[in-house]
Amino acid sequence: MARMNKRDPRVAKNLRRVSFIREVKQTFLIVCEGVNTEPDYFNAFRLTSANIKTIGQGINTVGLVQKALRIRDEERKKGRDYDQCWVVFDKDDFPDNDFNRAIALAQTGGMKVAYSNQAFEYWFLLHYNLFQGPMHRNMYAEKLSGLLGIAYNKEAGFARQIFKILADKQEQAIRNAKIIMHQMENIIPARAESSTTVHLLVEELNKYV
């Protein structure tokens, strides 16, 4: 007698449902000093196999890291344990000790650091040239405006536009950032002007695009 090959309709329905679920391989928590530029920039990445949560705080250095650690712990209590936790902040004109302490505090607490000395916009400049040596952040906007062909600003949403403009230059920026960090490897971060480790976070995000 021929064997009946009947599939349970409930099983078939569940299989169809599972086929539409995209497996999320990585989760990112990114706590930023800035409330517009940095969150908007990282949110512009079109990740296909990861989720990110970006939070802009409007505070800096040690205070930001302490807040980031609290946010991470609060998220864990809610059952959200992120694969990668990052904190993003600038040197600006804050004391060297505060900047170096903030980096050490984050690393000790298990968070990765994407810092810039002096400011996040230095990462944007590296998309165009290997800018080396001291440069006050007050010069960044003028230089970027000239390079971009539009007036640079920190308004909400502008960094998403910047992301699109700079997308095809990102590999060059990563190379430039690595060159700078290699040159600065024996210099403490607070004295390493100009430099940035934003490329480390960018490289991680690009794994899931």
N, C-alpha and C. Protein backbone atom coordinates (compact mmCIF):
# COMPACT_ATOMS: atom_id res chain seq x y z
N MET A 1 0.86 -1.20 0.00
CA MET A 1 0.00 0.00 0.00
C MET A 1 0.90 1.25 0.00
N ALA A 2 0.57 2.21 -0.83
CA ALA A 2 1.37 3.43 -0.90
C ALA A 2 1.25 4.23 0.40
N ARG A 3 2.38 4.81 0.82
CA ARG A 3 2.39 5.59 2.05
C ARG A 3 1.81 6.98 1.80
N MET A 4 0.96 7.38 2.68
CA MET A 4 0.38 8.72 2.56
C MET A 4 1.43 9.75 2.98
N ASN A 5 1.59 10.81 2.21
CA ASN A 5 2.59 11.86 2.51
C ASN A 5 1.86 13.17 2.77
N LYS A 6 1.20 13.20 3.89
CA LYS A 6 0.42 14.39 4.24
C LYS A 6 1.18 15.22 5.26
N ARG A 7 1.30 16.51 5.00
CA ARG A 7 2.00 17.41 5.92
C ARG A 7 0.99 18.11 6.81
N ASP A 8 1.32 18.14 8.08
CA ASP A 8 0.47 18.86 9.04
C ASP A 8 0.41 20.33 8.62
N PRO A 9 -0.76 20.87 8.34
CA PRO A 9 -0.87 22.28 7.91
C PRO A 9 -0.32 23.26 8.92
N ARG A 10 -0.36 22.91 10.20
CA ARG A 10 0.19 23.80 11.22
C ARG A 10 1.70 23.89 11.11
N VAL A 11 2.35 22.75 10.81
CA VAL A 11 3.81 22.73 10.62
C VAL A 11 4.19 23.55 9.39
N ALA A 12 3.43 23.38 8.31
CA ALA A 12 3.71 24.13 7.08
C ALA A 12 3.60 25.63 7.33
N LYS A 13 2.62 26.03 8.10
CA LYS A 13 2.43 27.45 8.40
C LYS A 13 3.60 27.99 9.19
N ASN A 14 4.09 27.20 10.18
CA ASN A 14 5.22 27.63 10.99
C ASN A 14 6.49 27.73 10.16
N LEU A 15 6.67 26.79 9.21
CA LEU A 15 7.86 26.84 8.35
C LEU A 15 7.84 28.08 7.48
N ARG A 16 6.66 28.42 6.96
CA ARG A 16 6.56 29.63 6.14
C ARG A 16 6.88 30.86 6.96
N ARG A 17 6.43 30.89 8.21
CA ARG A 17 6.68 32.03 9.08
C ARG A 17 8.18 32.18 9.37
N VAL A 18 8.83 31.04 9.64
CA VAL A 18 10.26 31.07 9.94
C VAL A 18 11.06 31.56 8.74
N SER A 19 10.63 31.21 7.54
CA SER A 19 11.37 31.58 6.33
C SER A 19 11.43 33.09 6.13
N PHE A 20 10.51 33.81 6.75
CA PHE A 20 10.48 35.26 6.59
C PHE A 20 11.24 35.98 7.71
N ILE A 21 11.78 35.24 8.64
CA ILE A 21 12.49 35.85 9.75
C ILE A 21 13.97 36.00 9.40
N ARG A 22 14.50 37.19 9.48
CA ARG A 22 15.92 37.44 9.22
C ARG A 22 16.70 37.28 10.52
N GLU A 23 17.70 36.44 10.48
CA GLU A 23 18.50 36.21 11.67
C GLU A 23 19.39 37.42 11.94
N VAL A 24 19.30 37.97 13.13
CA VAL A 24 20.14 39.09 13.52
C VAL A 24 21.37 38.54 14.21
N LYS A 25 22.52 38.74 13.59
CA LYS A 25 23.75 38.14 14.09
C LYS A 25 24.49 39.01 15.10
N GLN A 26 24.21 40.29 15.11
CA GLN A 26 24.97 41.18 15.97
C GLN A 26 24.09 42.35 16.40
N THR A 27 24.30 42.81 17.62
CA THR A 27 23.59 43.99 18.12
C THR A 27 24.60 44.98 18.66
N PHE A 28 24.37 46.26 18.36
CA PHE A 28 25.27 47.33 18.76
C PHE A 28 24.54 48.33 19.65
N LEU A 29 25.18 48.73 20.72
CA LEU A 29 24.75 49.88 21.51
C LEU A 29 25.83 50.94 21.35
N ILE A 30 25.43 52.10 20.82
CA ILE A 30 26.40 53.18 20.56
C ILE A 30 25.92 54.43 21.30
N VAL A 31 26.66 54.80 22.34
CA VAL A 31 26.32 55.98 23.14
C VAL A 31 27.26 57.11 22.73
N CYS A 32 26.68 58.22 22.28
CA CYS A 32 27.46 59.30 21.69
C CYS A 32 27.42 60.57 22.53
N GLU A 33 28.52 61.31 22.46
CA GLU A 33 28.57 62.63 23.09
C GLU A 33 27.60 63.59 22.41
N GLY A 34 27.62 63.62 21.09
CA GLY A 34 26.75 64.53 20.35
C GLY A 34 25.33 64.00 20.26
N VAL A 35 24.39 64.90 20.11
CA VAL A 35 22.98 64.50 20.04
C VAL A 35 22.47 64.40 18.61
N ASN A 36 23.19 64.98 17.64
CA ASN A 36 22.76 64.95 16.25
C ASN A 36 23.75 64.24 15.34
N THR A 37 24.93 64.82 15.19
CA THR A 37 25.87 64.38 14.17
C THR A 37 26.22 62.90 14.27
N GLU A 38 26.73 62.47 15.42
CA GLU A 38 27.18 61.09 15.54
C GLU A 38 26.04 60.08 15.43
N PRO A 39 24.93 60.25 16.19
CA PRO A 39 23.83 59.29 16.03
C PRO A 39 23.29 59.23 14.60
N ASP A 40 23.13 60.40 13.97
CA ASP A 40 22.62 60.42 12.60
C ASP A 40 23.56 59.70 11.64
N TYR A 41 24.85 59.90 11.83
CA TYR A 41 25.84 59.27 10.96
C TYR A 41 25.78 57.75 11.08
N PHE A 42 25.81 57.23 12.29
CA PHE A 42 25.82 55.78 12.47
C PHE A 42 24.48 55.15 12.09
N ASN A 43 23.40 55.88 12.26
CA ASN A 43 22.09 55.37 11.86
C ASN A 43 21.95 55.31 10.34
N ALA A 44 22.84 55.98 9.62
CA ALA A 44 22.78 55.97 8.16
C ALA A 44 23.32 54.68 7.56
N PHE A 45 24.03 53.88 8.35
CA PHE A 45 24.51 52.59 7.85
C PHE A 45 23.30 51.67 7.61
N ARG A 46 23.24 51.08 6.44
CA ARG A 46 22.15 50.17 6.11
C ARG A 46 22.59 48.74 6.44
N LEU A 47 22.37 48.35 7.67
CA LEU A 47 22.80 47.04 8.14
C LEU A 47 21.76 45.99 7.79
N THR A 48 22.22 44.87 7.25
CA THR A 48 21.31 43.80 6.86
C THR A 48 21.31 42.65 7.85
N SER A 49 22.35 42.52 8.66
CA SER A 49 22.42 41.39 9.60
C SER A 49 22.81 41.84 10.99
N ALA A 50 22.41 43.05 11.34
CA ALA A 50 22.67 43.57 12.69
C ALA A 50 21.67 44.66 13.01
N ASN A 51 21.48 44.91 14.29
CA ASN A 51 20.66 46.01 14.77
C ASN A 51 21.52 46.93 15.61
N ILE A 52 21.26 48.24 15.51
CA ILE A 52 21.99 49.18 16.36
C ILE A 52 21.01 50.07 17.11
N LYS A 53 21.41 50.46 18.30
CA LYS A 53 20.69 51.46 19.07
C LYS A 53 21.68 52.57 19.37
N THR A 54 21.44 53.77 18.85
CA THR A 54 22.31 54.90 19.09
C THR A 54 21.62 55.88 20.02
N ILE A 55 22.39 56.42 20.95
CA ILE A 55 21.85 57.36 21.94
C ILE A 55 22.78 58.56 22.04
N GLY A 56 22.27 59.75 21.77
CA GLY A 56 23.04 60.98 21.95
C GLY A 56 22.75 61.59 23.30
N GLN A 57 23.81 61.95 24.03
CA GLN A 57 23.63 62.38 25.42
C GLN A 57 23.89 63.87 25.67
N GLY A 58 24.73 64.49 24.87
CA GLY A 58 25.02 65.90 25.11
C GLY A 58 25.92 66.14 26.31
N ILE A 59 26.61 65.08 26.78
CA ILE A 59 27.61 65.22 27.84
C ILE A 59 28.91 64.63 27.33
N ASN A 60 29.99 64.80 28.10
CA ASN A 60 31.29 64.47 27.54
C ASN A 60 32.20 63.68 28.48
N THR A 61 33.28 63.21 27.92
CA THR A 61 34.37 62.48 28.56
C THR A 61 33.91 61.56 29.69
N VAL A 62 34.41 61.78 30.91
CA VAL A 62 34.16 60.85 32.01
C VAL A 62 32.66 60.72 32.30
N GLY A 63 31.95 61.83 32.32
CA GLY A 63 30.51 61.81 32.58
C GLY A 63 29.77 60.99 31.55
N LEU A 64 30.19 61.10 30.29
CA LEU A 64 29.54 60.34 29.22
C LEU A 64 29.78 58.85 29.40
N VAL A 65 31.01 58.47 29.69
CA VAL A 65 31.32 57.06 29.86
C VAL A 65 30.55 56.48 31.04
N GLN A 66 30.50 57.21 32.14
CA GLN A 66 29.74 56.74 33.30
C GLN A 66 28.28 56.53 32.95
N LYS A 67 27.71 57.47 32.19
CA LYS A 67 26.33 57.35 31.76
C LYS A 67 26.15 56.17 30.80
N ALA A 68 27.12 55.98 29.90
CA ALA A 68 27.06 54.87 28.95
C ALA A 68 27.06 53.53 29.67
N LEU A 69 27.87 53.40 30.69
CA LEU A 69 27.92 52.16 31.46
C LEU A 69 26.59 51.90 32.17
N ARG A 70 25.98 52.98 32.68
CA ARG A 70 24.67 52.83 33.33
C ARG A 70 23.60 52.42 32.32
N ILE A 71 23.65 53.02 31.14
CA ILE A 71 22.68 52.68 30.09
C ILE A 71 22.81 51.21 29.72
N ARG A 72 24.04 50.77 29.53
CA ARG A 72 24.25 49.36 29.18
C ARG A 72 23.70 48.43 30.26
N ASP A 73 23.97 48.77 31.52
CA ASP A 73 23.50 47.93 32.62
C ASP A 73 21.97 47.94 32.71
N GLU A 74 21.36 49.10 32.47
CA GLU A 74 19.90 49.18 32.49
C GLU A 74 19.29 48.37 31.35
N GLU A 75 19.96 48.39 30.20
CA GLU A 75 19.48 47.60 29.07
C GLU A 75 19.55 46.11 29.39
N ARG A 76 20.61 45.70 30.07
CA ARG A 76 20.74 44.29 30.44
C ARG A 76 19.62 43.85 31.37
N LYS A 77 19.25 44.73 32.30
CA LYS A 77 18.17 44.40 33.23
C LYS A 77 16.85 44.22 32.49
N LYS A 78 16.73 44.86 31.33
CA LYS A 78 15.52 44.74 30.51
C LYS A 78 15.60 43.54 29.57
N GLY A 79 16.70 42.79 29.67
CA GLY A 79 16.86 41.62 28.82
C GLY A 79 17.51 41.89 27.49
N ARG A 80 18.09 43.10 27.34
CA ARG A 80 18.75 43.45 26.09
C ARG A 80 20.26 43.49 26.33
N ASP A 81 20.93 42.41 25.98
CA ASP A 81 22.37 42.30 26.17
C ASP A 81 23.05 42.44 24.81
N TYR A 82 23.72 43.56 24.58
CA TYR A 82 24.29 43.87 23.27
C TYR A 82 25.62 43.15 23.05
N ASP A 83 25.84 42.75 21.79
CA ASP A 83 27.10 42.09 21.44
C ASP A 83 28.27 43.06 21.50
N GLN A 84 28.05 44.29 21.03
CA GLN A 84 29.10 45.31 21.05
C GLN A 84 28.55 46.60 21.64
N CYS A 85 29.25 47.13 22.62
CA CYS A 85 28.88 48.40 23.24
C CYS A 85 29.98 49.41 23.01
N TRP A 86 29.63 50.52 22.41
CA TRP A 86 30.60 51.55 22.05
C TRP A 86 30.22 52.88 22.69
N VAL A 87 31.24 53.68 22.97
CA VAL A 87 31.03 55.04 23.42
C VAL A 87 31.84 55.96 22.50
N VAL A 88 31.22 57.05 22.05
CA VAL A 88 31.80 57.93 21.05
C VAL A 88 31.92 59.34 21.63
N PHE A 89 33.15 59.86 21.71
CA PHE A 89 33.31 61.20 22.27
C PHE A 89 34.58 61.86 21.75
N ASP A 90 34.69 63.17 22.01
CA ASP A 90 35.78 64.00 21.50
C ASP A 90 36.68 64.52 22.62
N LYS A 91 37.88 64.90 22.21
CA LYS A 91 38.80 65.55 23.15
C LYS A 91 38.38 66.99 23.40
N ASP A 92 37.98 67.68 22.32
CA ASP A 92 37.65 69.11 22.43
C ASP A 92 38.76 69.82 23.21
N ASP A 93 38.39 70.68 24.15
CA ASP A 93 39.38 71.37 24.99
C ASP A 93 39.38 70.86 26.42
N PHE A 94 38.85 69.65 26.62
CA PHE A 94 38.80 69.12 27.98
C PHE A 94 40.19 68.70 28.44
N PRO A 95 40.43 68.71 29.74
CA PRO A 95 41.75 68.37 30.27
C PRO A 95 42.23 66.99 29.81
N ASP A 96 43.53 66.89 29.60
CA ASP A 96 44.11 65.62 29.15
C ASP A 96 43.73 64.47 30.07
N ASN A 97 43.79 64.70 31.38
CA ASN A 97 43.50 63.63 32.33
C ASN A 97 42.08 63.11 32.19
N ASP A 98 41.13 64.03 31.95
CA ASP A 98 39.73 63.63 31.79
C ASP A 98 39.56 62.74 30.55
N PHE A 99 40.20 63.14 29.46
CA PHE A 99 40.08 62.40 28.21
C PHE A 99 40.69 61.01 28.34
N ASN A 100 41.91 60.95 28.85
CA ASN A 100 42.58 59.66 29.02
C ASN A 100 41.84 58.77 30.02
N ARG A 101 41.34 59.38 31.08
CA ARG A 101 40.61 58.62 32.10
C ARG A 101 39.32 58.06 31.52
N ALA A 102 38.65 58.84 30.68
CA ALA A 102 37.40 58.38 30.07
C ALA A 102 37.63 57.16 29.21
N ILE A 103 38.70 57.17 28.43
CA ILE A 103 39.04 56.03 27.57
C ILE A 103 39.32 54.80 28.42
N ALA A 104 40.12 54.97 29.47
CA ALA A 104 40.47 53.86 30.35
C ALA A 104 39.24 53.32 31.07
N LEU A 105 38.36 54.21 31.51
CA LEU A 105 37.15 53.80 32.22
C LEU A 105 36.24 52.97 31.32
N ALA A 106 36.12 53.40 30.07
CA ALA A 106 35.28 52.65 29.12
C ALA A 106 35.86 51.27 28.87
N GLN A 107 37.14 51.21 28.62
CA GLN A 107 37.78 49.92 28.32
C GLN A 107 37.72 48.97 29.51
N THR A 108 37.95 49.51 30.69
CA THR A 108 37.86 48.68 31.90
C THR A 108 36.45 48.16 32.10
N GLY A 109 35.48 48.98 31.73
CA GLY A 109 34.07 48.59 31.88
C GLY A 109 33.55 47.71 30.77
N GLY A 110 34.40 47.36 29.81
CA GLY A 110 33.99 46.46 28.74
C GLY A 110 33.36 47.14 27.55
N MET A 111 33.54 48.46 27.42
CA MET A 111 33.01 49.17 26.27
C MET A 111 34.14 49.56 25.33
N LYS A 112 33.85 49.57 24.05
CA LYS A 112 34.83 49.99 23.06
C LYS A 112 34.70 51.49 22.83
N VAL A 113 35.81 52.11 22.40
CA VAL A 113 35.85 53.57 22.31
C VAL A 113 36.15 54.03 20.88
N ALA A 114 35.31 54.93 20.39
CA ALA A 114 35.57 55.62 19.13
C ALA A 114 35.76 57.09 19.48
N TYR A 115 37.01 57.47 19.71
CA TYR A 115 37.28 58.86 20.13
C TYR A 115 37.87 59.66 18.98
N SER A 116 37.82 60.96 19.12
CA SER A 116 38.45 61.86 18.15
C SER A 116 39.16 62.97 18.88
N ASN A 117 40.34 63.28 18.41
CA ASN A 117 41.11 64.38 18.96
C ASN A 117 41.48 65.32 17.81
N GLN A 118 40.73 66.44 17.59
CA GLN A 118 39.90 67.05 18.60
C GLN A 118 38.42 66.69 18.52
N ALA A 119 37.87 66.51 17.34
CA ALA A 119 36.42 66.33 17.24
C ALA A 119 36.05 65.34 16.14
N PHE A 120 34.81 64.87 16.19
CA PHE A 120 34.30 63.84 15.29
C PHE A 120 34.48 64.21 13.82
N GLU A 121 34.37 65.50 13.52
CA GLU A 121 34.47 65.95 12.12
C GLU A 121 35.83 65.67 11.50
N TYR A 122 36.83 65.42 12.33
CA TYR A 122 38.14 65.03 11.79
C TYR A 122 38.01 63.75 10.97
N TRP A 123 37.13 62.84 11.40
CA TRP A 123 36.86 61.62 10.63
C TRP A 123 36.36 61.96 9.24
N PHE A 124 35.49 62.95 9.13
CA PHE A 124 34.99 63.37 7.82
C PHE A 124 36.13 63.91 6.94
N LEU A 125 37.01 64.70 7.53
CA LEU A 125 38.12 65.27 6.78
C LEU A 125 39.02 64.19 6.19
N LEU A 126 39.19 63.09 6.91
CA LEU A 126 40.07 62.02 6.44
C LEU A 126 39.54 61.33 5.19
N HIS A 127 38.29 61.56 4.84
CA HIS A 127 37.76 61.01 3.59
C HIS A 127 38.40 61.70 2.38
N TYR A 128 38.96 62.87 2.58
CA TYR A 128 39.53 63.64 1.48
C TYR A 128 41.05 63.63 1.46
N ASN A 129 41.65 63.83 2.62
CA ASN A 129 43.11 63.96 2.66
C ASN A 129 43.66 63.39 3.96
N LEU A 130 44.95 63.14 3.98
CA LEU A 130 45.62 62.68 5.17
C LEU A 130 46.04 63.91 5.98
N PHE A 131 45.06 64.49 6.67
CA PHE A 131 45.32 65.68 7.48
C PHE A 131 46.14 65.28 8.70
N GLN A 132 47.30 65.87 8.86
CA GLN A 132 48.19 65.50 9.94
C GLN A 132 48.56 66.72 10.79
N GLY A 133 48.83 66.47 12.06
CA GLY A 133 49.28 67.52 12.95
C GLY A 133 48.14 68.26 13.62
N PRO A 134 48.48 69.13 14.57
CA PRO A 134 47.46 69.88 15.33
C PRO A 134 46.56 70.70 14.42
N MET A 135 45.27 70.64 14.69
CA MET A 135 44.29 71.45 13.97
C MET A 135 43.13 71.69 14.91
N HIS A 136 42.86 72.96 15.23
CA HIS A 136 41.77 73.25 16.14
C HIS A 136 40.44 72.95 15.46
N ARG A 137 39.52 72.40 16.23
CA ARG A 137 38.23 71.99 15.67
C ARG A 137 37.43 73.14 15.09
N ASN A 138 37.74 74.38 15.47
CA ASN A 138 37.04 75.53 14.89
C ASN A 138 37.31 75.65 13.38
N MET A 139 38.35 74.97 12.91
CA MET A 139 38.69 75.02 11.48
C MET A 139 37.95 73.95 10.68
N TYR A 140 37.39 72.97 11.35
CA TYR A 140 36.80 71.84 10.65
C TYR A 140 35.66 72.23 9.73
N ALA A 141 34.73 73.02 10.24
CA ALA A 141 33.53 73.37 9.46
C ALA A 141 33.90 74.08 8.16
N GLU A 142 34.84 75.02 8.24
CA GLU A 142 35.24 75.75 7.03
C GLU A 142 35.89 74.81 6.02
N LYS A 143 36.77 73.94 6.49
CA LYS A 143 37.43 73.00 5.59
C LYS A 143 36.42 72.05 4.96
N LEU A 144 35.50 71.53 5.78
CA LEU A 144 34.52 70.60 5.26
C LEU A 144 33.57 71.26 4.26
N SER A 145 33.19 72.49 4.55
CA SER A 145 32.31 73.21 3.62
C SER A 145 32.95 73.33 2.25
N GLY A 146 34.25 73.64 2.24
CA GLY A 146 34.97 73.76 0.98
C GLY A 146 35.07 72.43 0.25
N LEU A 147 35.33 71.37 0.98
CA LEU A 147 35.48 70.04 0.37
C LEU A 147 34.15 69.46 -0.09
N LEU A 148 33.11 69.68 0.71
CA LEU A 148 31.80 69.12 0.40
C LEU A 148 31.06 69.92 -0.67
N GLY A 149 31.35 71.21 -0.73
CA GLY A 149 30.63 72.07 -1.66
C GLY A 149 29.31 72.56 -1.11
N ILE A 150 29.05 72.29 0.16
CA ILE A 150 27.86 72.78 0.86
C ILE A 150 28.28 73.21 2.26
N ALA A 151 27.52 74.12 2.87
CA ALA A 151 27.87 74.62 4.19
C ALA A 151 27.67 73.53 5.23
N TYR A 152 28.72 73.22 5.96
CA TYR A 152 28.64 72.19 6.98
C TYR A 152 27.91 72.72 8.21
N ASN A 153 27.09 71.86 8.82
CA ASN A 153 26.40 72.24 10.06
C ASN A 153 26.13 71.00 10.90
N LYS A 154 25.67 71.21 12.11
CA LYS A 154 25.41 70.11 13.05
C LYS A 154 23.93 69.89 13.28
N GLU A 155 23.09 70.37 12.39
CA GLU A 155 21.66 70.23 12.55
C GLU A 155 21.23 68.77 12.38
N ALA A 156 20.11 68.42 13.00
CA ALA A 156 19.59 67.06 12.92
C ALA A 156 19.38 66.65 11.46
N GLY A 157 19.85 65.48 11.11
CA GLY A 157 19.66 64.94 9.77
C GLY A 157 20.78 65.25 8.80
N PHE A 158 21.61 66.27 9.09
CA PHE A 158 22.65 66.66 8.14
C PHE A 158 23.70 65.56 7.97
N ALA A 159 24.04 64.88 9.05
CA ALA A 159 25.07 63.85 8.97
C ALA A 159 24.65 62.67 8.10
N ARG A 160 23.34 62.43 7.97
CA ARG A 160 22.87 61.40 7.04
C ARG A 160 23.22 61.78 5.61
N GLN A 161 23.09 63.06 5.32
CA GLN A 161 23.46 63.56 4.00
C GLN A 161 24.96 63.43 3.78
N ILE A 162 25.73 63.74 4.83
CA ILE A 162 27.18 63.61 4.76
C ILE A 162 27.57 62.16 4.48
N PHE A 163 26.89 61.23 5.15
CA PHE A 163 27.20 59.81 4.95
C PHE A 163 27.09 59.44 3.47
N LYS A 164 26.03 59.88 2.82
CA LYS A 164 25.82 59.54 1.41
C LYS A 164 26.89 60.18 0.53
N ILE A 165 27.25 61.42 0.83
CA ILE A 165 28.25 62.12 0.03
C ILE A 165 29.61 61.44 0.14
N LEU A 166 29.93 60.96 1.34
CA LEU A 166 31.26 60.42 1.61
C LEU A 166 31.37 58.91 1.42
N ALA A 167 30.27 58.26 1.09
CA ALA A 167 30.23 56.79 1.06
C ALA A 167 31.34 56.19 0.20
N ASP A 168 31.57 56.75 -0.99
CA ASP A 168 32.56 56.15 -1.89
C ASP A 168 34.00 56.51 -1.50
N LYS A 169 34.16 57.33 -0.47
CA LYS A 169 35.49 57.71 0.01
C LYS A 169 35.81 57.05 1.36
N GLN A 170 34.93 56.20 1.83
CA GLN A 170 35.08 55.65 3.18
C GLN A 170 36.34 54.79 3.33
N GLU A 171 36.65 53.99 2.33
CA GLU A 171 37.85 53.15 2.42
C GLU A 171 39.10 54.00 2.55
N GLN A 172 39.14 55.13 1.84
CA GLN A 172 40.28 56.03 1.94
C GLN A 172 40.38 56.61 3.35
N ALA A 173 39.24 56.96 3.93
CA ALA A 173 39.24 57.50 5.29
C ALA A 173 39.77 56.47 6.29
N ILE A 174 39.37 55.22 6.12
CA ILE A 174 39.85 54.17 7.01
C ILE A 174 41.36 54.02 6.89
N ARG A 175 41.86 54.02 5.66
CA ARG A 175 43.31 53.91 5.45
C ARG A 175 44.03 55.08 6.11
N ASN A 176 43.52 56.28 5.92
CA ASN A 176 44.16 57.46 6.50
C ASN A 176 44.15 57.42 8.02
N ALA A 177 43.03 56.99 8.58
CA ALA A 177 42.93 56.90 10.04
C ALA A 177 43.93 55.90 10.59
N LYS A 178 44.11 54.79 9.90
CA LYS A 178 45.06 53.77 10.34
C LYS A 178 46.49 54.28 10.26
N ILE A 179 46.80 55.02 9.22
CA ILE A 179 48.14 55.60 9.09
C ILE A 179 48.43 56.52 10.27
N ILE A 180 47.45 57.38 10.56
CA ILE A 180 47.61 58.33 11.67
C ILE A 180 47.78 57.58 12.99
N MET A 181 46.95 56.59 13.26
CA MET A 181 47.04 55.87 14.53
C MET A 181 48.35 55.11 14.65
N HIS A 182 48.87 54.62 13.54
CA HIS A 182 50.18 53.95 13.57
C HIS A 182 51.27 54.94 13.96
N GLN A 183 51.17 56.14 13.42
CA GLN A 183 52.15 57.18 13.75
C GLN A 183 52.04 57.62 15.21
N MET A 184 50.84 57.50 15.77
CA MET A 184 50.58 57.97 17.13
C MET A 184 50.61 56.84 18.17
N GLU A 185 51.06 55.66 17.80
CA GLU A 185 50.91 54.50 18.68
C GLU A 185 51.64 54.63 20.01
N ASN A 186 52.65 55.45 20.08
CA ASN A 186 53.39 55.62 21.34
C ASN A 186 53.05 56.94 22.04
N ILE A 187 51.97 57.57 21.59
CA ILE A 187 51.54 58.85 22.17
C ILE A 187 50.20 58.64 22.87
N ILE A 188 50.05 59.17 24.08
CA ILE A 188 48.79 59.02 24.79
C ILE A 188 47.69 59.75 24.01
N PRO A 189 46.45 59.23 24.05
CA PRO A 189 45.37 59.78 23.21
C PRO A 189 45.17 61.29 23.34
N ALA A 190 45.28 61.82 24.54
CA ALA A 190 45.03 63.25 24.74
C ALA A 190 46.05 64.12 24.03
N ARG A 191 47.22 63.57 23.76
CA ARG A 191 48.28 64.32 23.09
C ARG A 191 48.36 63.99 21.60
N ALA A 192 47.55 63.04 21.17
CA ALA A 192 47.61 62.58 19.78
C ALA A 192 46.71 63.41 18.89
N GLU A 193 47.07 64.64 18.67
CA GLU A 193 46.30 65.55 17.81
C GLU A 193 47.03 65.70 16.47
N SER A 194 46.37 65.42 15.38
CA SER A 194 44.96 65.03 15.20
C SER A 194 44.88 63.52 15.00
N SER A 195 43.85 62.88 15.57
CA SER A 195 43.68 61.44 15.40
C SER A 195 42.24 61.05 15.72
N THR A 196 41.89 59.82 15.32
CA THR A 196 40.55 59.30 15.62
C THR A 196 40.55 57.79 15.56
N THR A 197 39.69 57.17 16.34
CA THR A 197 39.49 55.72 16.26
C THR A 197 38.08 55.40 15.77
N VAL A 198 37.42 56.36 15.19
CA VAL A 198 36.06 56.14 14.66
C VAL A 198 36.07 55.04 13.60
N HIS A 199 37.19 54.93 12.88
CA HIS A 199 37.27 53.91 11.83
C HIS A 199 37.09 52.50 12.38
N LEU A 200 37.44 52.28 13.64
CA LEU A 200 37.28 50.96 14.24
C LEU A 200 35.81 50.56 14.32
N LEU A 201 34.98 51.52 14.72
CA LEU A 201 33.54 51.28 14.77
C LEU A 201 32.96 51.14 13.36
N VAL A 202 33.42 51.98 12.46
CA VAL A 202 32.95 51.91 11.06
C VAL A 202 33.25 50.54 10.46
N GLU A 203 34.45 50.03 10.71
CA GLU A 203 34.82 48.71 10.19
C GLU A 203 33.91 47.62 10.75
N GLU A 204 33.58 47.72 12.02
CA GLU A 204 32.69 46.73 12.64
C GLU A 204 31.29 46.80 12.01
N LEU A 205 30.77 47.99 11.83
CA LEU A 205 29.44 48.14 11.23
C LEU A 205 29.43 47.61 9.79
N ASN A 206 30.51 47.85 9.06
CA ASN A 206 30.56 47.42 7.67
C ASN A 206 30.51 45.90 7.51
N LYS A 207 30.83 45.17 8.55
CA LYS A 207 30.75 43.71 8.48
C LYS A 207 29.31 43.22 8.33
N TYR A 208 28.36 44.10 8.67
CA TYR A 208 26.95 43.69 8.69
C TYR A 208 26.09 44.49 7.72
N VAL A 209 26.75 45.15 6.78
CA VAL A 209 26.02 45.92 5.76
C VAL A 209 25.49 44.98 4.69
